[in-house]
Protein backbone atom coordinates (compact mmCIF):
# COMPACT_ATOMS: atom_id res chain seq x y z
CA MET A 1 0.00 0.00 0.00
CA HIS A 2 1.34 3.44 -0.92
CA LEU A 3 2.36 5.67 2.02
CA ASN A 4 -0.16 8.40 1.13
CA ALA A 5 -2.97 5.85 1.02
CA VAL A 6 -1.97 4.56 4.45
CA LEU A 7 -1.86 8.07 5.88
CA ASP A 8 -5.23 8.90 4.33
CA ARG A 9 -6.74 5.76 5.84
CA LEU A 10 -5.28 6.59 9.26
CA GLU A 11 -6.85 10.04 9.05
CA GLU A 12 -10.24 8.47 8.24
CA ILE A 13 -9.91 6.15 11.22
CA GLU A 14 -9.02 9.06 13.52
CA GLN A 15 -12.07 11.00 12.34
CA GLU A 16 -14.30 7.97 12.92
CA ILE A 17 -12.88 7.52 16.44
CA ARG A 18 -13.56 11.20 17.22
CA ARG A 19 -17.13 10.85 15.93
CA LEU A 20 -17.73 7.68 17.97
CA ARG A 21 -16.23 9.26 21.09
CA THR A 22 -18.61 12.21 20.73
CA GLU A 23 -21.60 9.87 20.38
CA VAL A 24 -20.57 7.86 23.45
CA GLU A 25 -20.07 11.02 25.50
CA LYS A 26 -23.63 12.12 24.64
CA THR A 27 -25.03 8.90 26.12
CA LEU A 28 -23.22 9.15 29.45
CA THR A 29 -25.36 10.21 32.38
CA THR A 30 -23.98 13.21 34.18
CA ASP A 31 -24.41 13.56 37.93
CA GLY A 32 -27.91 14.74 38.78
CA GLU A 33 -29.30 14.25 35.29
CA ASP A 34 -32.76 12.72 35.28
CA GLU A 35 -32.59 9.29 33.65
CA THR A 36 -36.07 9.72 32.17
CA GLU A 37 -34.97 12.89 30.41
CA LEU A 38 -31.84 11.12 29.19
CA PHE A 39 -33.96 8.26 27.82
CA LEU A 40 -36.39 10.61 26.07
CA ARG A 41 -33.53 12.62 24.57
CA LYS A 42 -31.85 9.45 23.38
CA CYS A 43 -35.02 8.01 21.83
CA SER A 44 -36.43 11.37 20.67
CA GLY A 45 -39.76 10.65 22.35
CA TRP A 46 -42.71 8.71 21.07
CA GLN A 47 -43.79 9.37 17.50
CA ASP A 48 -47.16 8.03 16.34
CA VAL A 49 -49.70 9.35 13.87
CA ARG A 50 -52.64 7.59 15.56
CA THR A 51 -55.01 9.48 17.81
CA PRO A 52 -55.27 8.51 21.48
CA ASP A 53 -58.62 6.83 20.76
CA GLU A 54 -57.03 4.77 17.97
CA LEU A 55 -54.16 3.75 20.26
CA ILE A 56 -56.60 2.66 22.98
CA ALA A 57 -58.73 0.75 20.48
CA GLY A 58 -55.61 -1.04 19.22
CA ILE A 59 -54.64 -2.05 22.75
CA TYR A 60 -58.09 -3.47 23.46
CA ALA A 61 -58.20 -5.23 20.09
CA SER A 62 -54.88 -6.96 20.75
CA ARG A 63 -56.00 -8.36 24.09
CA SER A 64 -57.05 -11.96 24.30
CA SER A 65 -59.04 -13.70 26.96
CA SER A 66 -57.89 -16.86 28.64
CA LEU A 67 -59.57 -19.35 30.91
CA ARG A 68 -56.24 -20.24 32.47
CA GLY A 69 -56.33 -19.79 36.22
CA THR A 70 -60.12 -19.63 36.43
CA GLU A 71 -60.57 -23.21 37.60
CA LEU A 72 -60.98 -23.69 41.32
CA SER A 73 -59.60 -26.80 42.91
CA ASP A 74 -60.77 -28.57 46.03
CA GLY A 75 -57.15 -29.46 46.80
């Protein structure tokens, strides 16, 4: 490999390391920082185009009933 190509590749690697370091530093919790706020910042909050009524209807529609645990034993 030519020396200039090696040096160029090393520069790319250094830039990638700096970028990764910055991303990792953003995820670290600082003293006193609310973990909920950190989570919401990291995940950018909840995004959904459905209305609250549609969300609730979807939850109820996905529920299933079960007879498990409804039997009484004499034991």
